[in-house]
């Protein structure tokens, strides 16, 4: 497997506003936290239908766009230093009905939602029938994780990992969307590491994602469509 080496910036901890918080959550209070919300995707679904996009790559694109806006979602430990990747790319799940297992496939995201539809389609066509956990020949460090559970809605979701130390890549999970009070709602869970991310940052991400869902047809410049 070929490894792609991404570009990054080393964080100067002595000048970082979160230095003390980082040290606390790297020490005795090592922890992650989770938040689940119901995204209103009513307008988004209508727009996706109008332009002929598929829902899964479209929502992956929107999440990727917001994640790449903010350094707290692009952090990692590399060679014992805290770094910020210049860019990160989504690694998403693909379900295999025949084995009831899934693969984790990453695709390159360059900020253009329409182009990502094609990149996603090409990757799924090439790797979608490979049952391996990591089906792609190339691996990369600068990824974050998206899981889809389209068979059930939920009001809370948590990923339990035995050792999350220095695992700073955010994890997103969404479920089956449903109708309520004239809206279409999507269960959406975010899990992050407290060393690099606080509730404020998660709230900002969720609010920005909701704004994109509400106004995607007017956000073509921001998303380089």
C-alpha atoms as a PDB file:
ATOM      1  CA  UNK A   1       0.000   0.000   0.000  1.00  0.00           C
ATOM      2  CA  UNK A   2       1.385   3.388  -1.032  1.00  0.00           C
ATOM      3  CA  UNK A   3       1.374   6.088   1.640  1.00  0.00           C
ATOM      4  CA  UNK A   4       0.592   9.665   0.652  1.00  0.00           C
ATOM      5  CA  UNK A   5       2.519  12.209   2.737  1.00  0.00           C
ATOM      6  CA  UNK A   6       0.440  15.355   3.363  1.00  0.00           C
ATOM      7  CA  UNK A   7       1.666  18.873   4.114  1.00  0.00           C
ATOM      8  CA  UNK A   8       1.198  20.372   7.561  1.00  0.00           C
ATOM      9  CA  UNK A   9       2.142  23.185   9.951  1.00  0.00           C
ATOM     10  CA  UNK A  10       3.667  22.530  13.360  1.00  0.00           C
ATOM     11  CA  UNK A  11       1.789  24.225  16.207  1.00  0.00           C
ATOM     12  CA  UNK A  12       3.917  26.539  18.357  1.00  0.00           C
ATOM     13  CA  UNK A  13       2.551  25.473  21.737  1.00  0.00           C
ATOM     14  CA  UNK A  14       4.227  28.386  23.542  1.00  0.00           C
ATOM     15  CA  UNK A  15       2.046  30.813  21.570  1.00  0.00           C
ATOM     16  CA  UNK A  16      -1.125  28.732  21.307  1.00  0.00           C
ATOM     17  CA  UNK A  17      -4.112  30.006  23.272  1.00  0.00           C
ATOM     18  CA  UNK A  18      -5.176  26.444  24.130  1.00  0.00           C
ATOM     19  CA  UNK A  19      -1.750  25.333  25.383  1.00  0.00           C
ATOM     20  CA  UNK A  20      -2.925  24.804  28.979  1.00  0.00           C
ATOM     21  CA  UNK A  21      -6.123  23.056  27.899  1.00  0.00           C
ATOM     22  CA  UNK A  22      -4.152  20.822  25.554  1.00  0.00           C
ATOM     23  CA  UNK A  23      -1.781  19.821  28.343  1.00  0.00           C
ATOM     24  CA  UNK A  24      -4.638  19.119  30.754  1.00  0.00           C
ATOM     25  CA  UNK A  25      -6.444  16.850  28.289  1.00  0.00           C
ATOM     26  CA  UNK A  26      -3.188  15.176  27.310  1.00  0.00           C
ATOM     27  CA  UNK A  27      -2.543  14.419  30.970  1.00  0.00           C
ATOM     28  CA  UNK A  28      -4.894  13.266  33.693  1.00  0.00           C
ATOM     29  CA  UNK A  29      -8.119  14.206  31.868  1.00  0.00           C
ATOM     30  CA  UNK A  30      -7.575  12.331  28.597  1.00  0.00           C
ATOM     31  CA  UNK A  31     -11.054  12.326  27.033  1.00  0.00           C
ATOM     32  CA  UNK A  32     -13.294  12.627  24.023  1.00  0.00           C
ATOM     33  CA  UNK A  33     -16.835  13.939  23.871  1.00  0.00           C
ATOM     34  CA  UNK A  34     -19.856  13.406  21.696  1.00  0.00           C
ATOM     35  CA  UNK A  35     -22.805  15.527  20.577  1.00  0.00           C
ATOM     36  CA  UNK A  36     -25.878  14.454  18.618  1.00  0.00           C
ATOM     37  CA  UNK A  37     -28.284  16.816  16.850  1.00  0.00           C
ATOM     38  CA  UNK A  38     -31.070  16.573  14.287  1.00  0.00           C
ATOM     39  CA  UNK A  39     -30.020  18.441  11.138  1.00  0.00           C
ATOM     40  CA  UNK A  40     -32.812  19.974   9.091  1.00  0.00           C
ATOM     41  CA  UNK A  41     -32.120  18.784   5.547  1.00  0.00           C
ATOM     42  CA  UNK A  42     -35.485  19.764   4.033  1.00  0.00           C
ATOM     43  CA  UNK A  43     -34.038  22.418   1.696  1.00  0.00           C
ATOM     44  CA  UNK A  44     -30.896  20.386   1.032  1.00  0.00           C
ATOM     45  CA  UNK A  45     -32.846  17.351  -0.222  1.00  0.00           C
ATOM     46  CA  UNK A  46     -34.903  19.546  -2.536  1.00  0.00           C
ATOM     47  CA  UNK A  47     -31.772  21.147  -4.000  1.00  0.00           C
ATOM     48  CA  UNK A  48     -29.987  17.805  -4.396  1.00  0.00           C
ATOM     49  CA  UNK A  49     -32.971  16.449  -6.344  1.00  0.00           C
ATOM     50  CA  UNK A  50     -33.056  19.531  -8.565  1.00  0.00           C
ATOM     51  CA  UNK A  51     -29.368  19.333  -9.534  1.00  0.00           C
ATOM     52  CA  UNK A  52     -29.250  15.545  -9.765  1.00  0.00           C
ATOM     53  CA  UNK A  53     -26.717  14.830  -7.013  1.00  0.00           C
ATOM     54  CA  UNK A  54     -26.702  11.769  -4.750  1.00  0.00           C
ATOM     55  CA  UNK A  55     -27.331  12.380  -1.068  1.00  0.00           C
ATOM     56  CA  UNK A  56     -24.384  10.478   0.451  1.00  0.00           C
ATOM     57  CA  UNK A  57     -21.556  12.205  -1.467  1.00  0.00           C
ATOM     58  CA  UNK A  58     -23.374  15.533  -1.131  1.00  0.00           C
ATOM     59  CA  UNK A  59     -23.512  15.396   2.674  1.00  0.00           C
ATOM     60  CA  UNK A  60     -19.919  14.110   2.775  1.00  0.00           C
ATOM     61  CA  UNK A  61     -18.929  17.175   0.735  1.00  0.00           C
ATOM     62  CA  UNK A  62     -20.679  19.579   3.089  1.00  0.00           C
ATOM     63  CA  UNK A  63     -19.091  18.009   6.158  1.00  0.00           C
ATOM     64  CA  UNK A  64     -15.685  18.087   4.435  1.00  0.00           C
ATOM     65  CA  UNK A  65     -16.120  21.747   3.588  1.00  0.00           C
ATOM     66  CA  UNK A  66     -16.855  22.790   7.170  1.00  0.00           C
ATOM     67  CA  UNK A  67     -14.158  20.540   8.646  1.00  0.00           C
ATOM     68  CA  UNK A  68     -11.540  22.109   6.383  1.00  0.00           C
ATOM     69  CA  UNK A  69     -12.534  25.609   7.473  1.00  0.00           C
ATOM     70  CA  UNK A  70     -11.233  25.115  11.009  1.00  0.00           C
ATOM     71  CA  UNK A  71      -7.810  23.974  12.268  1.00  0.00           C
ATOM     72  CA  UNK A  72      -9.184  22.222  15.370  1.00  0.00           C
ATOM     73  CA  UNK A  73     -10.595  19.507  13.089  1.00  0.00           C
ATOM     74  CA  UNK A  74      -7.338  19.090  11.141  1.00  0.00           C
ATOM     75  CA  UNK A  75      -4.944  18.360  14.006  1.00  0.00           C
ATOM     76  CA  UNK A  76      -2.736  15.333  14.611  1.00  0.00           C
ATOM     77  CA  UNK A  77       0.390  14.234  16.442  1.00  0.00           C
ATOM     78  CA  UNK A  78       3.300  13.620  14.075  1.00  0.00           C
ATOM     79  CA  UNK A  79       6.862  12.891  15.189  1.00  0.00           C
ATOM     80  CA  UNK A  80       5.859  13.905  18.747  1.00  0.00           C
ATOM     81  CA  UNK A  81       4.695  17.328  17.585  1.00  0.00           C
ATOM     82  CA  UNK A  82       1.196  18.769  17.325  1.00  0.00           C
ATOM     83  CA  UNK A  83       0.495  19.621  13.691  1.00  0.00           C
ATOM     84  CA  UNK A  84      -2.310  21.033  11.576  1.00  0.00           C
ATOM     85  CA  UNK A  85      -2.835  19.344   8.230  1.00  0.00           C
ATOM     86  CA  UNK A  86      -3.157  21.803   5.354  1.00  0.00           C
ATOM     87  CA  UNK A  87      -6.200  19.840   4.247  1.00  0.00           C
ATOM     88  CA  UNK A  88      -8.084  16.723   5.287  1.00  0.00           C
ATOM     89  CA  UNK A  89     -10.145  14.261   3.285  1.00  0.00           C
ATOM     90  CA  UNK A  90     -13.181  12.136   4.175  1.00  0.00           C
ATOM     91  CA  UNK A  91     -12.936   8.419   4.887  1.00  0.00           C
ATOM     92  CA  UNK A  92     -16.472   7.033   4.694  1.00  0.00           C
ATOM     93  CA  UNK A  93     -18.128   3.651   5.105  1.00  0.00           C
ATOM     94  CA  UNK A  94     -19.509   1.485   2.314  1.00  0.00           C
ATOM     95  CA  UNK A  95     -21.801  -1.387   3.313  1.00  0.00           C
ATOM     96  CA  UNK A  96     -21.558  -4.850   1.716  1.00  0.00           C
ATOM     97  CA  UNK A  97     -24.928  -6.614   1.739  1.00  0.00           C
ATOM     98  CA  UNK A  98     -23.468 -10.001   0.853  1.00  0.00           C
ATOM     99  CA  UNK A  99     -21.256 -10.175   3.948  1.00  0.00           C
ATOM    100  CA  UNK A 100     -23.004  -7.623   6.184  1.00  0.00           C
ATOM    101  CA  UNK A 101     -19.638  -5.922   6.648  1.00  0.00           C
ATOM    102  CA  UNK A 102     -18.306  -2.567   5.507  1.00  0.00           C
ATOM    103  CA  UNK A 103     -15.230  -0.966   3.992  1.00  0.00           C
ATOM    104  CA  UNK A 104     -13.678   2.378   4.861  1.00  0.00           C
ATOM    105  CA  UNK A 105     -12.925   4.251   1.643  1.00  0.00           C
ATOM    106  CA  UNK A 106     -11.372   7.708   1.439  1.00  0.00           C
ATOM    107  CA  UNK A 107     -11.805  10.128  -1.454  1.00  0.00           C
ATOM    108  CA  UNK A 108      -9.978  13.330  -2.311  1.00  0.00           C
ATOM    109  CA  UNK A 109     -11.940  16.496  -1.536  1.00  0.00           C
ATOM    110  CA  UNK A 110     -10.764  19.717  -3.185  1.00  0.00           C
ATOM    111  CA  UNK A 111     -13.596  22.037  -2.102  1.00  0.00           C
ATOM    112  CA  UNK A 112     -15.801  21.506  -5.146  1.00  0.00           C
ATOM    113  CA  UNK A 113     -19.025  19.639  -4.335  1.00  0.00           C
ATOM    114  CA  UNK A 114     -19.899  18.870  -7.954  1.00  0.00           C
ATOM    115  CA  UNK A 115     -16.428  17.466  -8.649  1.00  0.00           C
ATOM    116  CA  UNK A 116     -16.596  15.368  -5.492  1.00  0.00           C
ATOM    117  CA  UNK A 117     -19.721  13.681  -6.859  1.00  0.00           C
ATOM    118  CA  UNK A 118     -17.568  12.413  -9.737  1.00  0.00           C
ATOM    119  CA  UNK A 119     -14.568  11.509  -7.560  1.00  0.00           C
ATOM    120  CA  UNK A 120     -16.850   9.592  -5.201  1.00  0.00           C
ATOM    121  CA  UNK A 121     -18.539   7.760  -8.090  1.00  0.00           C
ATOM    122  CA  UNK A 122     -15.168   6.798  -9.586  1.00  0.00           C
ATOM    123  CA  UNK A 123     -13.813   5.527  -6.257  1.00  0.00           C
ATOM    124  CA  UNK A 124     -16.959   3.526  -5.502  1.00  0.00           C
ATOM    125  CA  UNK A 125     -16.944   2.028  -9.010  1.00  0.00           C
ATOM    126  CA  UNK A 126     -13.308   0.993  -8.605  1.00  0.00           C
ATOM    127  CA  UNK A 127     -13.252  -0.115  -4.961  1.00  0.00           C
ATOM    128  CA  UNK A 128     -16.880  -0.624  -3.955  1.00  0.00           C
ATOM    129  CA  UNK A 129     -16.896  -4.384  -4.521  1.00  0.00           C
ATOM    130  CA  UNK A 130     -13.668  -5.026  -2.623  1.00  0.00           C
ATOM    131  CA  UNK A 131     -14.562  -6.441   0.791  1.00  0.00           C
ATOM    132  CA  UNK A 132     -11.357  -5.392   2.561  1.00  0.00           C
ATOM    133  CA  UNK A 133     -11.605  -2.904   5.423  1.00  0.00           C
ATOM    134  CA  UNK A 134      -9.214  -0.558   3.556  1.00  0.00           C
ATOM    135  CA  UNK A 135      -9.837  -1.292  -0.157  1.00  0.00           C
ATOM    136  CA  UNK A 136      -7.824   1.585  -1.643  1.00  0.00           C
ATOM    137  CA  UNK A 137      -4.187   1.052  -2.647  1.00  0.00           C
ATOM    138  CA  UNK A 138      -3.085   4.428  -1.299  1.00  0.00           C
ATOM    139  CA  UNK A 139      -3.371   5.378   2.362  1.00  0.00           C
ATOM    140  CA  UNK A 140      -3.074   8.803   3.893  1.00  0.00           C
ATOM    141  CA  UNK A 141      -2.771  10.281   7.373  1.00  0.00           C
ATOM    142  CA  UNK A 142      -4.827  13.424   6.853  1.00  0.00           C
ATOM    143  CA  UNK A 143      -8.297  11.913   6.913  1.00  0.00           C
ATOM    144  CA  UNK A 144     -11.348  12.158   9.140  1.00  0.00           C
ATOM    145  CA  UNK A 145     -14.152   9.636   9.479  1.00  0.00           C
ATOM    146  CA  UNK A 146     -17.790   9.472   8.383  1.00  0.00           C
ATOM    147  CA  UNK A 147     -20.182   6.591   9.044  1.00  0.00           C
ATOM    148  CA  UNK A 148     -23.694   6.159   7.698  1.00  0.00           C
ATOM    149  CA  UNK A 149     -26.355   4.092   9.488  1.00  0.00           C
ATOM    150  CA  UNK A 150     -29.269   4.508   7.043  1.00  0.00           C
ATOM    151  CA  UNK A 151     -31.441   1.768   8.555  1.00  0.00           C
ATOM    152  CA  UNK A 152     -32.416   3.531  11.782  1.00  0.00           C
ATOM    153  CA  UNK A 153     -32.827   6.999  13.269  1.00  0.00           C
ATOM    154  CA  UNK A 154     -31.311   7.855  16.628  1.00  0.00           C
ATOM    155  CA  UNK A 155     -31.268  10.629  19.215  1.00  0.00           C
ATOM    156  CA  UNK A 156     -27.854   9.722  20.648  1.00  0.00           C
ATOM    157  CA  UNK A 157     -24.794   7.945  19.322  1.00  0.00           C
ATOM    158  CA  UNK A 158     -21.395   7.253  20.829  1.00  0.00           C
ATOM    159  CA  UNK A 159     -18.239   5.541  19.561  1.00  0.00           C
ATOM    160  CA  UNK A 160     -16.349   3.750  22.338  1.00  0.00           C
ATOM    161  CA  UNK A 161     -12.640   3.373  21.634  1.00  0.00           C
ATOM    162  CA  UNK A 162     -10.335   1.771  24.208  1.00  0.00           C
ATOM    163  CA  UNK A 163      -7.457   4.188  23.647  1.00  0.00           C
ATOM    164  CA  UNK A 164      -8.209   7.558  22.051  1.00  0.00           C
ATOM    165  CA  UNK A 165      -4.880   9.125  23.071  1.00  0.00           C
ATOM    166  CA  UNK A 166      -3.708  11.443  20.304  1.00  0.00           C
ATOM    167  CA  UNK A 167      -6.509  10.304  17.993  1.00  0.00           C
ATOM    168  CA  UNK A 168      -7.591  13.803  16.998  1.00  0.00           C
ATOM    169  CA  UNK A 169      -9.435  13.121  13.732  1.00  0.00           C
ATOM    170  CA  UNK A 170     -13.142  13.927  14.177  1.00  0.00           C
ATOM    171  CA  UNK A 171     -15.705  11.182  13.671  1.00  0.00           C
ATOM    172  CA  UNK A 172     -19.162  11.850  12.204  1.00  0.00           C
ATOM    173  CA  UNK A 173     -22.115   9.461  12.147  1.00  0.00           C
ATOM    174  CA  UNK A 174     -25.550  10.024  10.654  1.00  0.00           C
ATOM    175  CA  UNK A 175     -28.629   7.829  10.562  1.00  0.00           C
ATOM    176  CA  UNK A 176     -31.912   7.442   8.726  1.00  0.00           C
ATOM    177  CA  UNK A 177     -33.577  10.761   8.032  1.00  0.00           C
ATOM    178  CA  UNK A 178     -37.264  11.143   8.826  1.00  0.00           C
ATOM    179  CA  UNK A 179     -40.209  13.537   8.517  1.00  0.00           C
ATOM    180  CA  UNK A 180     -41.429  15.576  11.478  1.00  0.00           C
ATOM    181  CA  UNK A 181     -43.629  18.691  11.570  1.00  0.00           C
ATOM    182  CA  UNK A 182     -43.139  19.330   7.860  1.00  0.00           C
ATOM    183  CA  UNK A 183     -39.352  19.025   8.045  1.00  0.00           C
ATOM    184  CA  UNK A 184     -36.904  16.302   7.075  1.00  0.00           C
ATOM    185  CA  UNK A 185     -34.484  15.664   9.938  1.00  0.00           C
ATOM    186  CA  UNK A 186     -31.161  13.826   9.867  1.00  0.00           C
ATOM    187  CA  UNK A 187     -29.669  12.343  13.074  1.00  0.00           C
ATOM    188  CA  UNK A 188     -26.074  13.611  13.140  1.00  0.00           C
ATOM    189  CA  UNK A 189     -23.429  12.752  15.747  1.00  0.00           C
ATOM    190  CA  UNK A 190     -19.992  14.327  16.181  1.00  0.00           C
ATOM    191  CA  UNK A 191     -17.169  12.835  18.244  1.00  0.00           C
ATOM    192  CA  UNK A 192     -13.958  14.772  18.914  1.00  0.00           C
ATOM    193  CA  UNK A 193     -10.926  14.705  21.192  1.00  0.00           C
ATOM    194  CA  UNK A 194     -11.022  17.278  23.996  1.00  0.00           C
ATOM    195  CA  UNK A 195      -7.274  17.948  23.704  1.00  0.00           C
ATOM    196  CA  UNK A 196      -7.826  19.974  20.546  1.00  0.00           C
ATOM    197  CA  UNK A 197     -11.544  20.725  20.475  1.00  0.00           C
ATOM    198  CA  UNK A 198     -14.186  22.144  22.818  1.00  0.00           C
ATOM    199  CA  UNK A 199     -17.971  22.401  22.812  1.00  0.00           C
ATOM    200  CA  UNK A 200     -17.739  25.833  21.206  1.00  0.00           C
ATOM    201  CA  UNK A 201     -15.937  24.408  18.184  1.00  0.00           C
ATOM    202  CA  UNK A 202     -18.416  21.554  17.721  1.00  0.00           C
ATOM    203  CA  UNK A 203     -21.347  23.958  18.034  1.00  0.00           C
ATOM    204  CA  UNK A 204     -19.818  26.241  15.393  1.00  0.00           C
ATOM    205  CA  UNK A 205     -19.304  23.304  13.041  1.00  0.00           C
ATOM    206  CA  UNK A 206     -22.902  22.123  13.476  1.00  0.00           C
ATOM    207  CA  UNK A 207     -24.294  25.631  12.972  1.00  0.00           C
ATOM    208  CA  UNK A 208     -22.208  26.176   9.836  1.00  0.00           C
ATOM    209  CA  UNK A 209     -23.244  22.797   8.467  1.00  0.00           C
ATOM    210  CA  UNK A 210     -26.898  23.626   9.091  1.00  0.00           C
ATOM    211  CA  UNK A 211     -26.429  26.964   7.315  1.00  0.00           C
ATOM    212  CA  UNK A 212     -25.011  25.165   4.277  1.00  0.00           C
ATOM    213  CA  UNK A 213     -27.935  22.738   4.282  1.00  0.00           C
ATOM    214  CA  UNK A 214     -30.364  25.683   4.375  1.00  0.00           C
ATOM    215  CA  UNK A 215     -28.660  27.795   1.717  1.00  0.00           C
ATOM    216  CA  UNK A 216     -26.681  25.475  -0.540  1.00  0.00           C
ATOM    217  CA  UNK A 217     -28.263  26.873  -3.677  1.00  0.00           C
ATOM    218  CA  UNK A 218     -26.878  30.309  -2.691  1.00  0.00           C
ATOM    219  CA  UNK A 219     -23.477  29.001  -1.541  1.00  0.00           C
ATOM    220  CA  UNK A 220     -21.980  28.085  -4.915  1.00  0.00           C
ATOM    221  CA  UNK A 221     -19.043  30.462  -4.508  1.00  0.00           C
ATOM    222  CA  UNK A 222     -18.205  29.220  -1.008  1.00  0.00           C
ATOM    223  CA  UNK A 223     -18.300  25.599  -2.149  1.00  0.00           C
ATOM    224  CA  UNK A 224     -16.572  26.226  -5.493  1.00  0.00           C
ATOM    225  CA  UNK A 225     -19.425  24.446  -7.296  1.00  0.00           C
END
